[in-house]
Amino acid sequence: MPVVLTLRWDGVTPQQYDQVRDLVRWEQDTPDGALLHVASFENGALHVTDVWSSESDFQRFFNDRVAAAVKESGIEGEPQYGFRPLHRRFVAPGVAGAAG
């Protein structure tokens, strides 16, 4: 069952996020189970909303690909995150692509 991940990571900068993204290359090599990723910044924190095919798909991706890049980019602390079952997903007509 698809799940929605919401994550907040205090102290992460846009530059650190971009460094992790460049190291992991998830937009070029999409991880199994990833359906949607949205990142934003507010009040000194990274905010992420993702949709994954399953919680275990995200955990595998984080452990196998993201964790080392987080360490390399100097990100400290731990994120606050949780999962909820997906009820409905809507993508507006004509919306596609990765960058934004």
N, C-alpha and C. Protein backbone atom coordinates (compact mmCIF):
# COMPACT_ATOMS: atom_id res chain seq x y z
N MET A 1 0.84 -1.17 0.00
CA MET A 1 0.00 0.00 0.00
C MET A 1 0.89 1.24 0.00
N PRO A 2 0.63 2.19 -0.90
CA PRO A 2 1.43 3.42 -0.92
C PRO A 2 1.31 4.21 0.38
N VAL A 3 2.39 4.89 0.72
CA VAL A 3 2.43 5.69 1.95
C VAL A 3 2.92 7.10 1.65
N VAL A 4 2.50 8.03 2.50
CA VAL A 4 2.98 9.41 2.45
C VAL A 4 3.99 9.57 3.58
N LEU A 5 5.16 10.05 3.23
CA LEU A 5 6.20 10.37 4.21
C LEU A 5 6.22 11.87 4.40
N THR A 6 6.17 12.33 5.65
CA THR A 6 6.43 13.73 5.95
C THR A 6 7.65 13.77 6.85
N LEU A 7 8.56 14.68 6.51
CA LEU A 7 9.85 14.73 7.19
C LEU A 7 10.23 16.18 7.45
N ARG A 8 10.80 16.43 8.62
CA ARG A 8 11.37 17.73 8.97
C ARG A 8 12.75 17.46 9.53
N TRP A 9 13.75 18.20 8.99
CA TRP A 9 15.12 18.02 9.46
C TRP A 9 15.69 19.40 9.77
N ASP A 10 15.73 19.75 11.05
CA ASP A 10 16.22 21.05 11.48
C ASP A 10 17.70 21.21 11.15
N GLY A 11 18.06 22.40 10.71
CA GLY A 11 19.45 22.75 10.46
C GLY A 11 19.98 22.40 9.08
N VAL A 12 19.21 21.68 8.28
CA VAL A 12 19.66 21.34 6.93
C VAL A 12 19.48 22.56 6.03
N THR A 13 20.52 22.91 5.29
CA THR A 13 20.48 24.05 4.39
C THR A 13 20.14 23.60 2.97
N PRO A 14 19.66 24.52 2.13
CA PRO A 14 19.45 24.16 0.73
C PRO A 14 20.72 23.65 0.06
N GLN A 15 21.87 24.20 0.42
CA GLN A 15 23.13 23.76 -0.16
C GLN A 15 23.43 22.31 0.23
N GLN A 16 23.20 21.95 1.47
CA GLN A 16 23.42 20.57 1.90
C GLN A 16 22.45 19.62 1.20
N TYR A 17 21.20 20.01 1.11
CA TYR A 17 20.21 19.20 0.40
C TYR A 17 20.66 18.97 -1.04
N ASP A 18 21.07 20.06 -1.72
CA ASP A 18 21.50 19.93 -3.12
C ASP A 18 22.74 19.05 -3.25
N GLN A 19 23.64 19.11 -2.28
CA GLN A 19 24.83 18.26 -2.31
C GLN A 19 24.42 16.78 -2.18
N VAL A 20 23.51 16.49 -1.26
CA VAL A 20 23.03 15.11 -1.11
C VAL A 20 22.35 14.66 -2.40
N ARG A 21 21.51 15.51 -2.96
CA ARG A 21 20.82 15.17 -4.22
C ARG A 21 21.82 14.88 -5.33
N ASP A 22 22.87 15.70 -5.43
CA ASP A 22 23.89 15.48 -6.46
C ASP A 22 24.66 14.18 -6.22
N LEU A 23 24.95 13.87 -4.97
CA LEU A 23 25.69 12.64 -4.66
C LEU A 23 24.84 11.39 -4.90
N VAL A 24 23.59 11.43 -4.50
CA VAL A 24 22.72 10.26 -4.60
C VAL A 24 22.14 10.09 -6.00
N ARG A 25 21.89 11.21 -6.69
CA ARG A 25 21.37 11.20 -8.07
C ARG A 25 20.02 10.49 -8.19
N TRP A 26 19.12 10.77 -7.23
CA TRP A 26 17.83 10.08 -7.27
C TRP A 26 16.97 10.51 -8.43
N GLU A 27 17.22 11.69 -8.99
CA GLU A 27 16.43 12.11 -10.16
C GLU A 27 16.89 11.39 -11.42
N GLN A 28 18.15 11.00 -11.47
CA GLN A 28 18.68 10.28 -12.62
C GLN A 28 18.53 8.77 -12.46
N ASP A 29 18.62 8.28 -11.24
CA ASP A 29 18.54 6.85 -10.92
C ASP A 29 17.45 6.68 -9.85
N THR A 30 16.21 6.70 -10.32
CA THR A 30 15.07 6.70 -9.41
C THR A 30 15.05 5.45 -8.55
N PRO A 31 14.94 5.62 -7.24
CA PRO A 31 14.90 4.45 -6.36
C PRO A 31 13.60 3.66 -6.53
N ASP A 32 13.71 2.35 -6.34
CA ASP A 32 12.52 1.50 -6.39
C ASP A 32 11.50 1.99 -5.38
N GLY A 33 10.27 2.14 -5.82
CA GLY A 33 9.18 2.51 -4.93
C GLY A 33 8.94 4.00 -4.78
N ALA A 34 9.83 4.85 -5.30
CA ALA A 34 9.63 6.29 -5.19
C ALA A 34 8.57 6.74 -6.20
N LEU A 35 7.57 7.47 -5.71
CA LEU A 35 6.50 7.94 -6.58
C LEU A 35 6.45 9.46 -6.69
N LEU A 36 6.83 10.17 -5.63
CA LEU A 36 6.76 11.64 -5.63
C LEU A 36 7.68 12.17 -4.55
N HIS A 37 8.36 13.28 -4.84
CA HIS A 37 9.23 13.93 -3.85
C HIS A 37 9.07 15.43 -3.97
N VAL A 38 8.80 16.08 -2.85
CA VAL A 38 8.71 17.54 -2.79
C VAL A 38 9.54 18.00 -1.61
N ALA A 39 10.44 18.97 -1.83
CA ALA A 39 11.28 19.50 -0.76
C ALA A 39 11.10 21.01 -0.69
N SER A 40 11.11 21.53 0.54
CA SER A 40 11.03 22.97 0.76
C SER A 40 11.79 23.30 2.04
N PHE A 41 12.01 24.60 2.25
CA PHE A 41 12.74 25.06 3.43
C PHE A 41 11.95 26.17 4.10
N GLU A 42 11.91 26.11 5.43
CA GLU A 42 11.26 27.15 6.22
C GLU A 42 11.80 27.10 7.63
N ASN A 43 12.05 28.27 8.19
CA ASN A 43 12.49 28.40 9.58
C ASN A 43 13.70 27.51 9.90
N GLY A 44 14.67 27.50 8.98
CA GLY A 44 15.91 26.76 9.22
C GLY A 44 15.78 25.25 9.18
N ALA A 45 14.77 24.75 8.49
CA ALA A 45 14.57 23.31 8.42
C ALA A 45 14.21 22.88 7.00
N LEU A 46 14.64 21.67 6.66
CA LEU A 46 14.21 21.00 5.44
C LEU A 46 12.87 20.32 5.72
N HIS A 47 11.93 20.50 4.80
CA HIS A 47 10.62 19.83 4.88
C HIS A 47 10.46 19.00 3.62
N VAL A 48 10.12 17.74 3.79
CA VAL A 48 9.94 16.83 2.65
C VAL A 48 8.58 16.17 2.77
N THR A 49 7.91 16.06 1.63
CA THR A 49 6.72 15.23 1.49
C THR A 49 6.98 14.29 0.32
N ASP A 50 6.91 13.01 0.60
CA ASP A 50 7.14 11.98 -0.42
C ASP A 50 5.94 11.05 -0.48
N VAL A 51 5.80 10.39 -1.61
CA VAL A 51 4.91 9.25 -1.74
C VAL A 51 5.76 8.08 -2.19
N TRP A 52 5.65 6.98 -1.45
CA TRP A 52 6.41 5.76 -1.71
C TRP A 52 5.45 4.58 -1.85
N SER A 53 5.86 3.58 -2.60
CA SER A 53 5.06 2.37 -2.73
C SER A 53 4.89 1.68 -1.38
N SER A 54 5.93 1.79 -0.54
CA SER A 54 5.86 1.21 0.80
C SER A 54 6.89 1.89 1.70
N GLU A 55 6.67 1.79 3.00
CA GLU A 55 7.63 2.33 3.96
C GLU A 55 8.98 1.64 3.82
N SER A 56 8.98 0.34 3.56
CA SER A 56 10.25 -0.39 3.44
C SER A 56 11.05 0.07 2.22
N ASP A 57 10.38 0.50 1.15
CA ASP A 57 11.11 1.04 -0.01
C ASP A 57 11.89 2.30 0.39
N PHE A 58 11.24 3.18 1.16
CA PHE A 58 11.96 4.38 1.61
C PHE A 58 13.10 4.02 2.53
N GLN A 59 12.86 3.14 3.50
CA GLN A 59 13.91 2.78 4.46
C GLN A 59 15.12 2.18 3.74
N ARG A 60 14.89 1.33 2.78
CA ARG A 60 15.98 0.73 2.00
C ARG A 60 16.76 1.81 1.24
N PHE A 61 16.05 2.72 0.59
CA PHE A 61 16.69 3.81 -0.15
C PHE A 61 17.53 4.67 0.79
N PHE A 62 16.97 5.04 1.93
CA PHE A 62 17.72 5.88 2.86
C PHE A 62 18.97 5.16 3.35
N ASN A 63 18.82 3.93 3.79
CA ASN A 63 19.96 3.19 4.33
C ASN A 63 21.03 2.89 3.29
N ASP A 64 20.61 2.50 2.09
CA ASP A 64 21.56 2.08 1.06
C ASP A 64 22.18 3.22 0.28
N ARG A 65 21.48 4.35 0.15
CA ARG A 65 21.98 5.40 -0.74
C ARG A 65 22.10 6.77 -0.08
N VAL A 66 21.20 7.13 0.81
CA VAL A 66 21.18 8.49 1.33
C VAL A 66 22.08 8.67 2.55
N ALA A 67 22.13 7.72 3.45
CA ALA A 67 22.82 7.88 4.73
C ALA A 67 24.28 8.31 4.55
N ALA A 68 25.01 7.69 3.65
CA ALA A 68 26.42 8.04 3.44
C ALA A 68 26.55 9.46 2.88
N ALA A 69 25.65 9.86 2.00
CA ALA A 69 25.70 11.21 1.42
C ALA A 69 25.35 12.26 2.47
N VAL A 70 24.45 11.94 3.38
CA VAL A 70 24.11 12.86 4.48
C VAL A 70 25.35 13.11 5.32
N LYS A 71 26.05 12.06 5.65
CA LYS A 71 27.27 12.19 6.46
C LYS A 71 28.32 13.01 5.70
N GLU A 72 28.51 12.72 4.43
CA GLU A 72 29.51 13.43 3.62
C GLU A 72 29.19 14.92 3.51
N SER A 73 27.92 15.27 3.50
CA SER A 73 27.53 16.67 3.33
C SER A 73 27.55 17.44 4.65
N GLY A 74 27.84 16.76 5.76
CA GLY A 74 27.96 17.44 7.04
C GLY A 74 26.64 17.69 7.75
N ILE A 75 25.59 17.03 7.33
CA ILE A 75 24.29 17.20 7.99
C ILE A 75 24.35 16.51 9.34
N GLU A 76 23.87 17.22 10.36
CA GLU A 76 23.89 16.68 11.72
C GLU A 76 22.48 16.45 12.22
N GLY A 77 22.38 15.72 13.32
CA GLY A 77 21.08 15.47 13.93
C GLY A 77 20.32 14.39 13.18
N GLU A 78 19.08 14.27 13.54
CA GLU A 78 18.20 13.26 12.96
C GLU A 78 16.90 13.92 12.52
N PRO A 79 16.31 13.42 11.44
CA PRO A 79 15.03 13.99 11.01
C PRO A 79 13.89 13.50 11.90
N GLN A 80 12.85 14.29 11.93
CA GLN A 80 11.57 13.87 12.50
C GLN A 80 10.72 13.46 11.31
N TYR A 81 10.21 12.24 11.33
CA TYR A 81 9.42 11.81 10.18
C TYR A 81 8.36 10.81 10.60
N GLY A 82 7.40 10.63 9.71
CA GLY A 82 6.34 9.67 9.94
C GLY A 82 5.71 9.27 8.61
N PHE A 83 4.98 8.17 8.65
CA PHE A 83 4.31 7.64 7.47
C PHE A 83 2.82 7.53 7.74
N ARG A 84 2.03 7.76 6.70
CA ARG A 84 0.59 7.56 6.75
C ARG A 84 0.17 6.86 5.46
N PRO A 85 -0.88 6.06 5.51
CA PRO A 85 -1.37 5.44 4.27
C PRO A 85 -1.86 6.53 3.30
N LEU A 86 -1.55 6.36 2.05
CA LEU A 86 -2.02 7.27 1.02
C LEU A 86 -3.50 7.04 0.77
N HIS A 87 -4.28 8.10 0.78
CA HIS A 87 -5.70 7.99 0.47
C HIS A 87 -5.97 8.33 -0.99
N ARG A 88 -5.37 9.41 -1.46
CA ARG A 88 -5.63 9.86 -2.83
C ARG A 88 -4.45 10.69 -3.30
N ARG A 89 -4.12 10.56 -4.58
CA ARG A 89 -3.07 11.36 -5.19
C ARG A 89 -3.62 11.96 -6.46
N PHE A 90 -3.37 13.26 -6.66
CA PHE A 90 -3.80 13.96 -7.86
C PHE A 90 -2.59 14.68 -8.44
N VAL A 91 -2.37 14.51 -9.72
CA VAL A 91 -1.34 15.26 -10.44
C VAL A 91 -2.07 16.03 -11.54
N ALA A 92 -1.89 17.35 -11.53
CA ALA A 92 -2.58 18.20 -12.49
C ALA A 92 -2.19 17.84 -13.91
N PRO A 93 -3.13 17.89 -14.85
CA PRO A 93 -2.82 17.61 -16.24
C PRO A 93 -1.67 18.49 -16.74
N GLY A 94 -0.76 17.89 -17.47
CA GLY A 94 0.36 18.61 -18.03
C GLY A 94 1.55 18.75 -17.11
N VAL A 95 1.44 18.33 -15.84
CA VAL A 95 2.55 18.42 -14.91
C VAL A 95 3.39 17.15 -15.04
N ALA A 96 4.66 17.36 -15.31
CA ALA A 96 5.60 16.24 -15.43
C ALA A 96 6.99 16.75 -15.19
N GLY A 97 7.94 15.86 -15.04
CA GLY A 97 9.32 16.25 -14.91
C GLY A 97 9.79 16.28 -13.48
N ALA A 98 11.10 16.45 -13.32
CA ALA A 98 11.71 16.35 -12.01
C ALA A 98 12.09 17.71 -11.42
N ALA A 99 12.69 18.57 -12.20
CA ALA A 99 13.25 19.81 -11.67
C ALA A 99 12.14 20.84 -11.41
N GLY A 100 12.49 21.78 -10.57
CA GLY A 100 11.50 22.84 -10.32
C GLY A 100 12.08 23.99 -9.59
